[in-house]
């Protein structure tokens, strides 16, 4: 059984922690070439699992942002939790957050890890 990454979403209200600026470009710009081999492997993994082309494109883009944030091809549970907190603080729609989380979950599955991200708070 692979590593298991767990986290629990806050259940009520927004965090009172001050927002920090992320060192990630959220625009649709090209992903840093350092992560291209990992993203190619991920793309093949998704294709082998029968996902549709549009879903694959979205997942690869979102995982690219995750890897850029983590600055590694094999993010730790701490990297995941920090990224999750960062996207929650960006006031993104619930659908966008879910897309990020499912993309990341599939990436960790490819790595042989299980990721349990609990529930996304209802206030989103």
PDB file of N, CA and C in Angstrom:
ATOM      1  N   UNK A   1       0.849  -1.175   0.000  1.00  0.00           N
ATOM      2  CA  UNK A   1       0.000   0.000   0.000  1.00  0.00           C
ATOM      3  C   UNK A   1       0.893   1.236   0.000  1.00  0.00           C
ATOM      4  N   UNK A   2       0.599   2.217  -0.875  1.00  0.00           N
ATOM      5  CA  UNK A   2       1.413   3.417  -0.983  1.00  0.00           C
ATOM      6  C   UNK A   2       1.220   4.333   0.210  1.00  0.00           C
ATOM      7  N   UNK A   3       1.957   5.437   0.178  1.00  0.00           N
ATOM      8  CA  UNK A   3       1.814   6.436   1.235  1.00  0.00           C
ATOM      9  C   UNK A   3       0.390   6.965   1.230  1.00  0.00           C
ATOM     10  N   UNK A   4      -0.086   7.343   2.362  1.00  0.00           N
ATOM     11  CA  UNK A   4      -1.438   7.898   2.475  1.00  0.00           C
ATOM     12  C   UNK A   4      -1.320   9.343   2.950  1.00  0.00           C
ATOM     13  N   UNK A   5      -1.919  10.244   2.206  1.00  0.00           N
ATOM     14  CA  UNK A   5      -1.890  11.658   2.534  1.00  0.00           C
ATOM     15  C   UNK A   5      -3.278  12.043   2.997  1.00  0.00           C
ATOM     16  N   UNK A   6      -3.375  12.572   4.195  1.00  0.00           N
ATOM     17  CA  UNK A   6      -4.665  12.923   4.762  1.00  0.00           C
ATOM     18  C   UNK A   6      -4.723  14.410   5.093  1.00  0.00           C
ATOM     19  N   UNK A   7      -5.889  14.997   5.003  1.00  0.00           N
ATOM     20  CA  UNK A   7      -6.110  16.338   5.524  1.00  0.00           C
ATOM     21  C   UNK A   7      -7.589  16.494   5.770  1.00  0.00           C
ATOM     22  N   UNK A   8      -7.905  17.430   6.583  1.00  0.00           N
ATOM     23  CA  UNK A   8      -9.295  17.696   6.904  1.00  0.00           C
ATOM     24  C   UNK A   8      -9.587  19.155   6.607  1.00  0.00           C
ATOM     25  N   UNK A   9     -10.678  19.401   5.919  1.00  0.00           N
ATOM     26  CA  UNK A   9     -11.083  20.758   5.567  1.00  0.00           C
ATOM     27  C   UNK A   9     -11.719  21.425   6.783  1.00  0.00           C
ATOM     28  N   UNK A  10     -11.508  22.729   6.941  1.00  0.00           N
ATOM     29  CA  UNK A  10     -12.209  23.430   8.012  1.00  0.00           C
ATOM     30  C   UNK A  10     -13.704  23.355   7.744  1.00  0.00           C
ATOM     31  N   UNK A  11     -14.489  23.179   8.786  1.00  0.00           N
ATOM     32  CA  UNK A  11     -15.913  22.963   8.607  1.00  0.00           C
ATOM     33  C   UNK A  11     -16.739  24.232   8.679  1.00  0.00           C
ATOM     34  N   UNK A  12     -16.221  25.285   9.320  1.00  0.00           N
ATOM     35  CA  UNK A  12     -17.035  26.471   9.423  1.00  0.00           C
ATOM     36  C   UNK A  12     -16.178  27.707   9.194  1.00  0.00           C
ATOM     37  N   UNK A  13     -16.808  28.703   8.602  1.00  0.00           N
ATOM     38  CA  UNK A  13     -16.196  30.016   8.436  1.00  0.00           C
ATOM     39  C   UNK A  13     -14.866  30.020   7.721  1.00  0.00           C
ATOM     40  N   UNK A  14     -14.432  31.173   7.368  1.00  0.00           N
ATOM     41  CA  UNK A  14     -13.134  31.329   6.712  1.00  0.00           C
ATOM     42  C   UNK A  14     -12.038  31.464   7.758  1.00  0.00           C
ATOM     43  N   UNK A  15     -10.857  31.091   7.363  1.00  0.00           N
ATOM     44  CA  UNK A  15      -9.705  31.191   8.245  1.00  0.00           C
ATOM     45  C   UNK A  15      -9.421  32.656   8.563  1.00  0.00           C
ATOM     46  N   UNK A  16      -8.935  32.913   9.765  1.00  0.00           N
ATOM     47  CA  UNK A  16      -8.577  34.278  10.136  1.00  0.00           C
ATOM     48  C   UNK A  16      -7.105  34.555   9.866  1.00  0.00           C
ATOM     49  N   UNK A  17      -6.419  33.577   9.295  1.00  0.00           N
ATOM     50  CA  UNK A  17      -5.001  33.760   8.980  1.00  0.00           C
ATOM     51  C   UNK A  17      -4.865  34.761   7.847  1.00  0.00           C
ATOM     52  N   UNK A  18      -3.826  35.615   7.885  1.00  0.00           N
ATOM     53  CA  UNK A  18      -3.643  36.578   6.800  1.00  0.00           C
ATOM     54  C   UNK A  18      -3.297  35.852   5.502  1.00  0.00           C
ATOM     55  N   UNK A  19      -3.793  36.389   4.390  1.00  0.00           N
ATOM     56  CA  UNK A  19      -3.505  35.792   3.094  1.00  0.00           C
ATOM     57  C   UNK A  19      -2.068  36.098   2.703  1.00  0.00           C
ATOM     58  N   UNK A  20      -1.409  35.098   2.100  1.00  0.00           N
ATOM     59  CA  UNK A  20      -0.046  35.275   1.628  1.00  0.00           C
ATOM     60  C   UNK A  20      -0.047  35.173   0.116  1.00  0.00           C
ATOM     61  N   UNK A  21       0.800  35.931  -0.515  1.00  0.00           N
ATOM     62  CA  UNK A  21       0.905  35.903  -1.960  1.00  0.00           C
ATOM     63  C   UNK A  21       1.668  34.647  -2.371  1.00  0.00           C
ATOM     64  N   UNK A  22       1.122  33.920  -3.342  1.00  0.00           N
ATOM     65  CA  UNK A  22       1.757  32.703  -3.823  1.00  0.00           C
ATOM     66  C   UNK A  22       2.755  33.026  -4.918  1.00  0.00           C
ATOM     67  N   UNK A  23       3.792  32.242  -4.988  1.00  0.00           N
ATOM     68  CA  UNK A  23       4.779  32.399  -6.036  1.00  0.00           C
ATOM     69  C   UNK A  23       4.439  31.461  -7.192  1.00  0.00           C
ATOM     70  N   UNK A  24       3.204  31.566  -7.692  1.00  0.00           N
ATOM     71  CA  UNK A  24       2.728  30.739  -8.793  1.00  0.00           C
ATOM     72  C   UNK A  24       1.974  31.644  -9.749  1.00  0.00           C
ATOM     73  N   UNK A  25       2.238  31.476 -11.029  1.00  0.00           N
ATOM     74  CA  UNK A  25       1.477  32.208 -12.028  1.00  0.00           C
ATOM     75  C   UNK A  25       0.203  31.432 -12.307  1.00  0.00           C
ATOM     76  N   UNK A  26      -0.950  32.036 -12.039  1.00  0.00           N
ATOM     77  CA  UNK A  26      -2.226  31.350 -12.227  1.00  0.00           C
ATOM     78  C   UNK A  26      -2.738  31.532 -13.644  1.00  0.00           C
ATOM     79  N   UNK A  27      -2.055  32.309 -14.442  1.00  0.00           N
ATOM     80  CA  UNK A  27      -2.462  32.513 -15.831  1.00  0.00           C
ATOM     81  C   UNK A  27      -2.233  31.226 -16.621  1.00  0.00           C
ATOM     82  N   UNK A  28      -2.776  31.163 -17.814  1.00  0.00           N
ATOM     83  CA  UNK A  28      -2.658  29.967 -18.647  1.00  0.00           C
ATOM     84  C   UNK A  28      -1.325  29.869 -19.363  1.00  0.00           C
ATOM     85  N   UNK A  29      -0.272  30.337 -18.757  1.00  0.00           N
ATOM     86  CA  UNK A  29       1.046  30.326 -19.380  1.00  0.00           C
ATOM     87  C   UNK A  29       1.626  28.914 -19.394  1.00  0.00           C
ATOM     88  N   UNK A  30       2.680  28.739 -20.194  1.00  0.00           N
ATOM     89  CA  UNK A  30       3.339  27.440 -20.294  1.00  0.00           C
ATOM     90  C   UNK A  30       3.941  27.042 -18.948  1.00  0.00           C
ATOM     91  N   UNK A  31       3.896  25.755 -18.667  1.00  0.00           N
ATOM     92  CA  UNK A  31       4.453  25.208 -17.438  1.00  0.00           C
ATOM     93  C   UNK A  31       5.968  25.138 -17.579  1.00  0.00           C
ATOM     94  N   UNK A  32       6.669  25.333 -16.479  1.00  0.00           N
ATOM     95  CA  UNK A  32       8.122  25.242 -16.458  1.00  0.00           C
ATOM     96  C   UNK A  32       8.562  23.901 -17.058  1.00  0.00           C
ATOM     97  N   UNK A  33       9.555  23.917 -17.928  1.00  0.00           N
ATOM     98  CA  UNK A  33       9.994  22.703 -18.615  1.00  0.00           C
ATOM     99  C   UNK A  33      10.513  21.641 -17.664  1.00  0.00           C
ATOM    100  N   UNK A  34      10.927  21.990 -16.464  1.00  0.00           N
ATOM    101  CA  UNK A  34      11.429  21.006 -15.512  1.00  0.00           C
ATOM    102  C   UNK A  34      10.386  19.930 -15.205  1.00  0.00           C
ATOM    103  N   UNK A  35       9.110  20.273 -15.318  1.00  0.00           N
ATOM    104  CA  UNK A  35       8.046  19.341 -14.964  1.00  0.00           C
ATOM    105  C   UNK A  35       7.457  18.635 -16.178  1.00  0.00           C
ATOM    106  N   UNK A  36       7.942  18.947 -17.369  1.00  0.00           N
ATOM    107  CA  UNK A  36       7.388  18.351 -18.580  1.00  0.00           C
ATOM    108  C   UNK A  36       7.439  16.823 -18.590  1.00  0.00           C
ATOM    109  N   UNK A  37       8.542  16.167 -18.183  1.00  0.00           N
ATOM    110  CA  UNK A  37       8.535  14.693 -18.169  1.00  0.00           C
ATOM    111  C   UNK A  37       7.458  14.125 -17.242  1.00  0.00           C
ATOM    112  N   UNK A  38       7.288  14.721 -16.073  1.00  0.00           N
ATOM    113  CA  UNK A  38       6.262  14.253 -15.138  1.00  0.00           C
ATOM    114  C   UNK A  38       4.874  14.481 -15.714  1.00  0.00           C
ATOM    115  N   UNK A  39       4.661  15.614 -16.366  1.00  0.00           N
ATOM    116  CA  UNK A  39       3.356  15.913 -16.943  1.00  0.00           C
ATOM    117  C   UNK A  39       3.063  15.013 -18.146  1.00  0.00           C
ATOM    118  N   UNK A  40       4.086  14.634 -18.915  1.00  0.00           N
ATOM    119  CA  UNK A  40       3.882  13.680 -20.012  1.00  0.00           C
ATOM    120  C   UNK A  40       3.475  12.315 -19.476  1.00  0.00           C
ATOM    121  N   UNK A  41       4.160  11.875 -18.407  1.00  0.00           N
ATOM    122  CA  UNK A  41       3.778  10.604 -17.777  1.00  0.00           C
ATOM    123  C   UNK A  41       2.347  10.673 -17.277  1.00  0.00           C
ATOM    124  N   UNK A  42       1.980  11.776 -16.665  1.00  0.00           N
ATOM    125  CA  UNK A  42       0.632  11.958 -16.132  1.00  0.00           C
ATOM    126  C   UNK A  42      -0.400  11.929 -17.267  1.00  0.00           C
ATOM    127  N   UNK A  43      -0.087  12.618 -18.365  1.00  0.00           N
ATOM    128  CA  UNK A  43      -0.986  12.634 -19.527  1.00  0.00           C
ATOM    129  C   UNK A  43      -1.217  11.203 -20.035  1.00  0.00           C
ATOM    130  N   UNK A  44      -0.133  10.421 -20.167  1.00  0.00           N
ATOM    131  CA  UNK A  44      -0.266   9.021 -20.612  1.00  0.00           C
ATOM    132  C   UNK A  44      -1.102   8.212 -19.625  1.00  0.00           C
ATOM    133  N   UNK A  45      -0.886   8.425 -18.344  1.00  0.00           N
ATOM    134  CA  UNK A  45      -1.648   7.733 -17.304  1.00  0.00           C
ATOM    135  C   UNK A  45      -3.141   8.019 -17.462  1.00  0.00           C
ATOM    136  N   UNK A  46      -3.484   9.289 -17.667  1.00  0.00           N
ATOM    137  CA  UNK A  46      -4.886   9.664 -17.828  1.00  0.00           C
ATOM    138  C   UNK A  46      -5.469   9.076 -19.116  1.00  0.00           C
ATOM    139  N   UNK A  47      -4.691   9.096 -20.203  1.00  0.00           N
ATOM    140  CA  UNK A  47      -5.146   8.505 -21.460  1.00  0.00           C
ATOM    141  C   UNK A  47      -5.386   7.009 -21.287  1.00  0.00           C
ATOM    142  N   UNK A  48      -4.464   6.337 -20.601  1.00  0.00           N
ATOM    143  CA  UNK A  48      -4.602   4.894 -20.365  1.00  0.00           C
ATOM    144  C   UNK A  48      -5.825   4.570 -19.515  1.00  0.00           C
ATOM    145  N   UNK A  49      -6.263   5.537 -18.707  1.00  0.00           N
ATOM    146  CA  UNK A  49      -7.444   5.342 -17.866  1.00  0.00           C
ATOM    147  C   UNK A  49      -8.727   5.800 -18.563  1.00  0.00           C
ATOM    148  N   UNK A  50      -8.631   6.179 -19.828  1.00  0.00           N
ATOM    149  CA  UNK A  50      -9.809   6.466 -20.637  1.00  0.00           C
ATOM    150  C   UNK A  50     -10.469   7.803 -20.418  1.00  0.00           C
ATOM    151  N   UNK A  51      -9.771   8.769 -19.843  1.00  0.00           N
ATOM    152  CA  UNK A  51     -10.373  10.085 -19.654  1.00  0.00           C
ATOM    153  C   UNK A  51     -10.475  10.809 -20.994  1.00  0.00           C
ATOM    154  N   UNK A  52     -11.434  11.705 -21.107  1.00  0.00           N
ATOM    155  CA  UNK A  52     -11.621  12.466 -22.337  1.00  0.00           C
ATOM    156  C   UNK A  52     -10.530  13.516 -22.492  1.00  0.00           C
ATOM    157  N   UNK A  53     -10.268  13.878 -23.737  1.00  0.00           N
ATOM    158  CA  UNK A  53      -9.189  14.821 -24.049  1.00  0.00           C
ATOM    159  C   UNK A  53      -9.325  16.130 -23.278  1.00  0.00           C
ATOM    160  N   UNK A  54     -10.533  16.686 -23.214  1.00  0.00           N
ATOM    161  CA  UNK A  54     -10.723  17.968 -22.520  1.00  0.00           C
ATOM    162  C   UNK A  54     -10.427  17.822 -21.027  1.00  0.00           C
ATOM    163  N   UNK A  55     -10.805  16.696 -20.442  1.00  0.00           N
ATOM    164  CA  UNK A  55     -10.516  16.449 -19.026  1.00  0.00           C
ATOM    165  C   UNK A  55      -9.018  16.317 -18.815  1.00  0.00           C
ATOM    166  N   UNK A  56      -8.355  15.612 -19.713  1.00  0.00           N
ATOM    167  CA  UNK A  56      -6.905  15.429 -19.611  1.00  0.00           C
ATOM    168  C   UNK A  56      -6.195  16.777 -19.672  1.00  0.00           C
ATOM    169  N   UNK A  57      -6.585  17.629 -20.608  1.00  0.00           N
ATOM    170  CA  UNK A  57      -5.955  18.948 -20.738  1.00  0.00           C
ATOM    171  C   UNK A  57      -6.110  19.751 -19.448  1.00  0.00           C
ATOM    172  N   UNK A  58      -7.321  19.736 -18.901  1.00  0.00           N
ATOM    173  CA  UNK A  58      -7.585  20.486 -17.671  1.00  0.00           C
ATOM    174  C   UNK A  58      -6.763  19.914 -16.515  1.00  0.00           C
ATOM    175  N   UNK A  59      -6.751  18.582 -16.349  1.00  0.00           N
ATOM    176  CA  UNK A  59      -6.014  17.951 -15.262  1.00  0.00           C
ATOM    177  C   UNK A  59      -4.521  18.232 -15.369  1.00  0.00           C
ATOM    178  N   UNK A  60      -3.956  18.121 -16.565  1.00  0.00           N
ATOM    179  CA  UNK A  60      -2.518  18.359 -16.746  1.00  0.00           C
ATOM    180  C   UNK A  60      -2.175  19.808 -16.406  1.00  0.00           C
ATOM    181  N   UNK A  61      -3.004  20.749 -16.853  1.00  0.00           N
ATOM    182  CA  UNK A  61      -2.769  22.155 -16.538  1.00  0.00           C
ATOM    183  C   UNK A  61      -2.771  22.381 -15.031  1.00  0.00           C
ATOM    184  N   UNK A  62      -3.788  21.847 -14.354  1.00  0.00           N
ATOM    185  CA  UNK A  62      -3.921  22.078 -12.912  1.00  0.00           C
ATOM    186  C   UNK A  62      -2.809  21.390 -12.125  1.00  0.00           C
ATOM    187  N   UNK A  63      -2.424  20.207 -12.519  1.00  0.00           N
ATOM    188  CA  UNK A  63      -1.310  19.531 -11.834  1.00  0.00           C
ATOM    189  C   UNK A  63      -0.003  20.274 -12.111  1.00  0.00           C
ATOM    190  N   UNK A  64       0.136  20.859 -13.279  1.00  0.00           N
ATOM    191  CA  UNK A  64       1.316  21.675 -13.560  1.00  0.00           C
ATOM    192  C   UNK A  64       1.437  22.825 -12.575  1.00  0.00           C
ATOM    193  N   UNK A  65       0.312  23.472 -12.260  1.00  0.00           N
ATOM    194  CA  UNK A  65       0.313  24.558 -11.269  1.00  0.00           C
ATOM    195  C   UNK A  65       0.670  24.027  -9.886  1.00  0.00           C
ATOM    196  N   UNK A  66       0.176  22.846  -9.575  1.00  0.00           N
ATOM    197  CA  UNK A  66       0.486  22.200  -8.283  1.00  0.00           C
ATOM    198  C   UNK A  66       1.979  21.907  -8.179  1.00  0.00           C
ATOM    199  N   UNK A  67       2.564  21.337  -9.232  1.00  0.00           N
ATOM    200  CA  UNK A  67       3.994  21.019  -9.206  1.00  0.00           C
ATOM    201  C   UNK A  67       4.840  22.292  -9.163  1.00  0.00           C
ATOM    202  N   UNK A  68       4.398  23.312  -9.875  1.00  0.00           N
ATOM    203  CA  UNK A  68       5.092  24.602  -9.843  1.00  0.00           C
ATOM    204  C   UNK A  68       5.091  25.164  -8.421  1.00  0.00           C
ATOM    205  N   UNK A  69       3.971  25.064  -7.750  1.00  0.00           N
ATOM    206  CA  UNK A  69       3.848  25.530  -6.370  1.00  0.00           C
ATOM    207  C   UNK A  69       4.769  24.718  -5.453  1.00  0.00           C
ATOM    208  N   UNK A  70       4.739  23.388  -5.596  1.00  0.00           N
ATOM    209  CA  UNK A  70       5.512  22.499  -4.726  1.00  0.00           C
ATOM    210  C   UNK A  70       7.003  22.498  -5.069  1.00  0.00           C
ATOM    211  N   UNK A  71       7.330  22.884  -6.300  1.00  0.00           N
ATOM    212  CA  UNK A  71       8.715  22.910  -6.783  1.00  0.00           C
ATOM    213  C   UNK A  71       9.358  21.519  -6.778  1.00  0.00           C
ATOM    214  N   UNK A  72       8.536  20.492  -7.005  1.00  0.00           N
ATOM    215  CA  UNK A  72       9.033  19.119  -7.080  1.00  0.00           C
ATOM    216  C   UNK A  72       8.039  18.261  -7.847  1.00  0.00           C
ATOM    217  N   UNK A  73       8.529  17.179  -8.460  1.00  0.00           N
ATOM    218  CA  UNK A  73       7.663  16.242  -9.172  1.00  0.00           C
ATOM    219  C   UNK A  73       6.955  15.286  -8.225  1.00  0.00           C
ATOM    220  N   UNK A  74       7.455  15.175  -6.999  1.00  0.00           N
ATOM    221  CA  UNK A  74       6.869  14.271  -6.013  1.00  0.00           C
ATOM    222  C   UNK A  74       6.528  15.075  -4.758  1.00  0.00           C
ATOM    223  N   UNK A  75       5.404  15.783  -4.798  1.00  0.00           N
ATOM    224  CA  UNK A  75       5.028  16.628  -3.661  1.00  0.00           C
ATOM    225  C   UNK A  75       4.732  15.813  -2.402  1.00  0.00           C
ATOM    226  N   UNK A  76       5.061  16.391  -1.273  1.00  0.00           N
ATOM    227  CA  UNK A  76       4.802  15.763   0.027  1.00  0.00           C
ATOM    228  C   UNK A  76       3.382  16.088   0.482  1.00  0.00           C
ATOM    229  N   UNK A  77       2.968  15.453   1.561  1.00  0.00           N
ATOM    230  CA  UNK A  77       1.640  15.757   2.108  1.00  0.00           C
ATOM    231  C   UNK A  77       1.584  17.218   2.572  1.00  0.00           C
ATOM    232  N   UNK A  78       2.703  17.736   3.067  1.00  0.00           N
ATOM    233  CA  UNK A  78       2.744  19.138   3.485  1.00  0.00           C
ATOM    234  C   UNK A  78       2.581  20.063   2.280  1.00  0.00           C
ATOM    235  N   UNK A  79       3.223  19.717   1.149  1.00  0.00           N
ATOM    236  CA  UNK A  79       3.068  20.505  -0.081  1.00  0.00           C
ATOM    237  C   UNK A  79       1.596  20.528  -0.499  1.00  0.00           C
ATOM    238  N   UNK A  80       0.968  19.364  -0.442  1.00  0.00           N
ATOM    239  CA  UNK A  80      -0.437  19.268  -0.815  1.00  0.00           C
ATOM    240  C   UNK A  80      -1.311  20.141   0.086  1.00  0.00           C
ATOM    241  N   UNK A  81      -1.088  20.048   1.385  1.00  0.00           N
ATOM    242  CA  UNK A  81      -1.905  20.824   2.320  1.00  0.00           C
ATOM    243  C   UNK A  81      -1.709  22.325   2.112  1.00  0.00           C
ATOM    244  N   UNK A  82      -0.475  22.755   1.865  1.00  0.00           N
ATOM    245  CA  UNK A  82      -0.225  24.183   1.624  1.00  0.00           C
ATOM    246  C   UNK A  82      -0.901  24.635   0.327  1.00  0.00           C
ATOM    247  N   UNK A  83      -0.842  23.792  -0.724  1.00  0.00           N
ATOM    248  CA  UNK A  83      -1.472  24.144  -1.989  1.00  0.00           C
ATOM    249  C   UNK A  83      -2.983  24.214  -1.822  1.00  0.00           C
ATOM    250  N   UNK A  84      -3.539  23.240  -1.126  1.00  0.00           N
ATOM    251  CA  UNK A  84      -4.981  23.215  -0.891  1.00  0.00           C
ATOM    252  C   UNK A  84      -5.417  24.477  -0.150  1.00  0.00           C
ATOM    253  N   UNK A  85      -4.685  24.836   0.889  1.00  0.00           N
ATOM    254  CA  UNK A  85      -5.000  26.056   1.629  1.00  0.00           C
ATOM    255  C   UNK A  85      -4.911  27.280   0.722  1.00  0.00           C
ATOM    256  N   UNK A  86      -3.903  27.290  -0.153  1.00  0.00           N
ATOM    257  CA  UNK A  86      -3.707  28.431  -1.054  1.00  0.00           C
ATOM    258  C   UNK A  86      -4.873  28.575  -2.025  1.00  0.00           C
ATOM    259  N   UNK A  87      -5.343  27.465  -2.584  1.00  0.00           N
ATOM    260  CA  UNK A  87      -6.453  27.605  -3.531  1.00  0.00           C
ATOM    261  C   UNK A  87      -7.760  27.937  -2.815  1.00  0.00           C
ATOM    262  N   UNK A  88      -7.898  27.495  -1.577  1.00  0.00           N
ATOM    263  CA  UNK A  88      -9.090  27.877  -0.808  1.00  0.00           C
ATOM    264  C   UNK A  88      -9.086  29.377  -0.520  1.00  0.00           C
ATOM    265  N   UNK A  89      -7.910  29.931  -0.271  1.00  0.00           N
ATOM    266  CA  UNK A  89      -7.795  31.365   0.028  1.00  0.00           C
ATOM    267  C   UNK A  89      -7.999  32.241  -1.200  1.00  0.00           C
ATOM    268  N   UNK A  90      -7.891  31.671  -2.401  1.00  0.00           N
ATOM    269  CA  UNK A  90      -8.029  32.460  -3.627  1.00  0.00           C
ATOM    270  C   UNK A  90      -9.481  32.729  -3.988  1.00  0.00           C
ATOM    271  N   UNK A  91     -10.425  32.257  -3.176  1.00  0.00           N
ATOM    272  CA  UNK A  91     -11.848  32.474  -3.436  1.00  0.00           C
ATOM    273  C   UNK A  91     -12.271  31.958  -4.812  1.00  0.00           C
ATOM    274  N   UNK A  92     -11.754  30.796  -5.188  1.00  0.00           N
ATOM    275  CA  UNK A  92     -12.142  30.156  -6.441  1.00  0.00           C
ATOM    276  C   UNK A  92     -13.501  29.482  -6.251  1.00  0.00           C
ATOM    277  N   UNK A  93     -14.161  29.190  -7.346  1.00  0.00           N
ATOM    278  CA  UNK A  93     -15.459  28.515  -7.240  1.00  0.00           C
ATOM    279  C   UNK A  93     -15.266  27.100  -6.712  1.00  0.00           C
ATOM    280  N   UNK A  94     -16.327  26.572  -6.155  1.00  0.00           N
ATOM    281  CA  UNK A  94     -16.294  25.196  -5.634  1.00  0.00           C
ATOM    282  C   UNK A  94     -15.910  24.218  -6.745  1.00  0.00           C
ATOM    283  N   UNK A  95     -16.433  24.420  -7.939  1.00  0.00           N
ATOM    284  CA  UNK A  95     -16.139  23.551  -9.079  1.00  0.00           C
ATOM    285  C   UNK A  95     -14.652  23.591  -9.431  1.00  0.00           C
ATOM    286  N   UNK A  96     -14.073  24.775  -9.452  1.00  0.00           N
ATOM    287  CA  UNK A  96     -12.642  24.909  -9.761  1.00  0.00           C
ATOM    288  C   UNK A  96     -11.795  24.219  -8.699  1.00  0.00           C
ATOM    289  N   UNK A  97     -12.137  24.409  -7.447  1.00  0.00           N
ATOM    290  CA  UNK A  97     -11.395  23.758  -6.359  1.00  0.00           C
ATOM    291  C   UNK A  97     -11.504  22.245  -6.487  1.00  0.00           C
ATOM    292  N   UNK A  98     -12.713  21.743  -6.762  1.00  0.00           N
ATOM    293  CA  UNK A  98     -12.883  20.302  -6.944  1.00  0.00           C
ATOM    294  C   UNK A  98     -12.038  19.790  -8.107  1.00  0.00           C
ATOM    295  N   UNK A  99     -11.985  20.553  -9.208  1.00  0.00           N
ATOM    296  CA  UNK A  99     -11.160  20.145 -10.345  1.00  0.00           C
ATOM    297  C   UNK A  99      -9.688  20.058  -9.964  1.00  0.00           C
ATOM    298  N   UNK A 100      -9.199  21.044  -9.201  1.00  0.00           N
ATOM    299  CA  UNK A 100      -7.815  20.984  -8.730  1.00  0.00           C
ATOM    300  C   UNK A 100      -7.600  19.743  -7.875  1.00  0.00           C
ATOM    301  N   UNK A 101      -8.498  19.509  -6.926  1.00  0.00           N
ATOM    302  CA  UNK A 101      -8.314  18.397  -5.984  1.00  0.00           C
ATOM    303  C   UNK A 101      -8.382  17.042  -6.678  1.00  0.00           C
ATOM    304  N   UNK A 102      -9.314  16.857  -7.603  1.00  0.00           N
ATOM    305  CA  UNK A 102      -9.392  15.580  -8.307  1.00  0.00           C
ATOM    306  C   UNK A 102      -8.200  15.381  -9.230  1.00  0.00           C
ATOM    307  N   UNK A 103      -7.713  16.458  -9.844  1.00  0.00           N
ATOM    308  CA  UNK A 103      -6.512  16.368 -10.680  1.00  0.00           C
ATOM    309  C   UNK A 103      -5.321  15.908  -9.846  1.00  0.00           C
ATOM    310  N   UNK A 104      -5.182  16.509  -8.675  1.00  0.00           N
ATOM    311  CA  UNK A 104      -4.080  16.177  -7.771  1.00  0.00           C
ATOM    312  C   UNK A 104      -4.230  14.757  -7.244  1.00  0.00           C
ATOM    313  N   UNK A 105      -5.451  14.362  -6.953  1.00  0.00           N
ATOM    314  CA  UNK A 105      -5.693  12.998  -6.470  1.00  0.00           C
ATOM    315  C   UNK A 105      -5.236  11.983  -7.515  1.00  0.00           C
ATOM    316  N   UNK A 106      -5.593  12.197  -8.770  1.00  0.00           N
ATOM    317  CA  UNK A 106      -5.181  11.294  -9.847  1.00  0.00           C
ATOM    318  C   UNK A 106      -3.658  11.287  -9.993  1.00  0.00           C
ATOM    319  N   UNK A 107      -3.031  12.438  -9.840  1.00  0.00           N
ATOM    320  CA  UNK A 107      -1.562  12.508  -9.954  1.00  0.00           C
ATOM    321  C   UNK A 107      -0.917  11.651  -8.871  1.00  0.00           C
ATOM    322  N   UNK A 108      -1.401  11.773  -7.642  1.00  0.00           N
ATOM    323  CA  UNK A 108      -0.839  10.981  -6.543  1.00  0.00           C
ATOM    324  C   UNK A 108      -1.132   9.491  -6.734  1.00  0.00           C
ATOM    325  N   UNK A 109      -2.286   9.154  -7.312  1.00  0.00           N
ATOM    326  CA  UNK A 109      -2.564   7.756  -7.629  1.00  0.00           C
ATOM    327  C   UNK A 109      -1.532   7.221  -8.614  1.00  0.00           C
ATOM    328  N   UNK A 110      -1.178   8.042  -9.620  1.00  0.00           N
ATOM    329  CA  UNK A 110      -0.150   7.639 -10.577  1.00  0.00           C
ATOM    330  C   UNK A 110       1.169   7.356  -9.865  1.00  0.00           C
ATOM    331  N   UNK A 111       1.454   8.131  -8.820  1.00  0.00           N
ATOM    332  CA  UNK A 111       2.689   7.954  -8.056  1.00  0.00           C
ATOM    333  C   UNK A 111       2.604   6.776  -7.087  1.00  0.00           C
ATOM    334  N   UNK A 112       1.443   6.140  -6.998  1.00  0.00           N
ATOM    335  CA  UNK A 112       1.266   5.014  -6.087  1.00  0.00           C
ATOM    336  C   UNK A 112       0.899   5.425  -4.681  1.00  0.00           C
ATOM    337  N   UNK A 113       0.408   6.644  -4.526  1.00  0.00           N
ATOM    338  CA  UNK A 113       0.008   7.153  -3.216  1.00  0.00           C
ATOM    339  C   UNK A 113      -1.499   7.315  -3.180  1.00  0.00           C
ATOM    340  N   UNK A 114      -2.060   7.193  -1.996  1.00  0.00           N
ATOM    341  CA  UNK A 114      -3.483   7.450  -1.806  1.00  0.00           C
ATOM    342  C   UNK A 114      -3.610   8.807  -1.148  1.00  0.00           C
ATOM    343  N   UNK A 115      -4.515   9.595  -1.659  1.00  0.00           N
ATOM    344  CA  UNK A 115      -4.724  10.923  -1.094  1.00  0.00           C
ATOM    345  C   UNK A 115      -6.187  11.039  -0.674  1.00  0.00           C
ATOM    346  N   UNK A 116      -6.403  11.469   0.534  1.00  0.00           N
ATOM    347  CA  UNK A 116      -7.755  11.639   1.060  1.00  0.00           C
ATOM    348  C   UNK A 116      -7.895  13.099   1.429  1.00  0.00           C
ATOM    349  N   UNK A 117      -8.648  13.850   0.620  1.00  0.00           N
ATOM    350  CA  UNK A 117      -8.728  15.281   0.890  1.00  0.00           C
ATOM    351  C   UNK A 117     -10.007  15.700   1.568  1.00  0.00           C
ATOM    352  N   UNK A 118     -10.718  14.783   2.132  1.00  0.00           N
ATOM    353  CA  UNK A 118     -11.895  15.137   2.905  1.00  0.00           C
ATOM    354  C   UNK A 118     -12.918  15.865   2.089  1.00  0.00           C
ATOM    355  N   UNK A 119     -13.643  16.770   2.702  1.00  0.00           N
ATOM    356  CA  UNK A 119     -14.684  17.519   1.974  1.00  0.00           C
ATOM    357  C   UNK A 119     -14.283  18.977   1.840  1.00  0.00           C
ATOM    358  N   UNK A 120     -14.761  19.579   0.782  1.00  0.00           N
ATOM    359  CA  UNK A 120     -14.544  21.005   0.579  1.00  0.00           C
ATOM    360  C   UNK A 120     -15.627  21.727   1.364  1.00  0.00           C
ATOM    361  N   UNK A 121     -15.261  22.737   2.128  1.00  0.00           N
ATOM    362  CA  UNK A 121     -16.246  23.439   2.957  1.00  0.00           C
ATOM    363  C   UNK A 121     -17.424  23.963   2.145  1.00  0.00           C
ATOM    364  N   UNK A 122     -18.596  23.997   2.749  1.00  0.00           N
ATOM    365  CA  UNK A 122     -19.822  24.419   2.061  1.00  0.00           C
ATOM    366  C   UNK A 122     -19.832  25.911   1.718  1.00  0.00           C
ATOM    367  N   UNK A 123     -19.008  26.714   2.382  1.00  0.00           N
ATOM    368  CA  UNK A 123     -19.061  28.155   2.132  1.00  0.00           C
ATOM    369  C   UNK A 123     -18.454  28.524   0.803  1.00  0.00           C
ATOM    370  N   UNK A 124     -17.853  27.582   0.106  1.00  0.00           N
ATOM    371  CA  UNK A 124     -17.228  27.906  -1.184  1.00  0.00           C
ATOM    372  C   UNK A 124     -18.235  28.057  -2.286  1.00  0.00           C
TER     373      UNK A 124
END
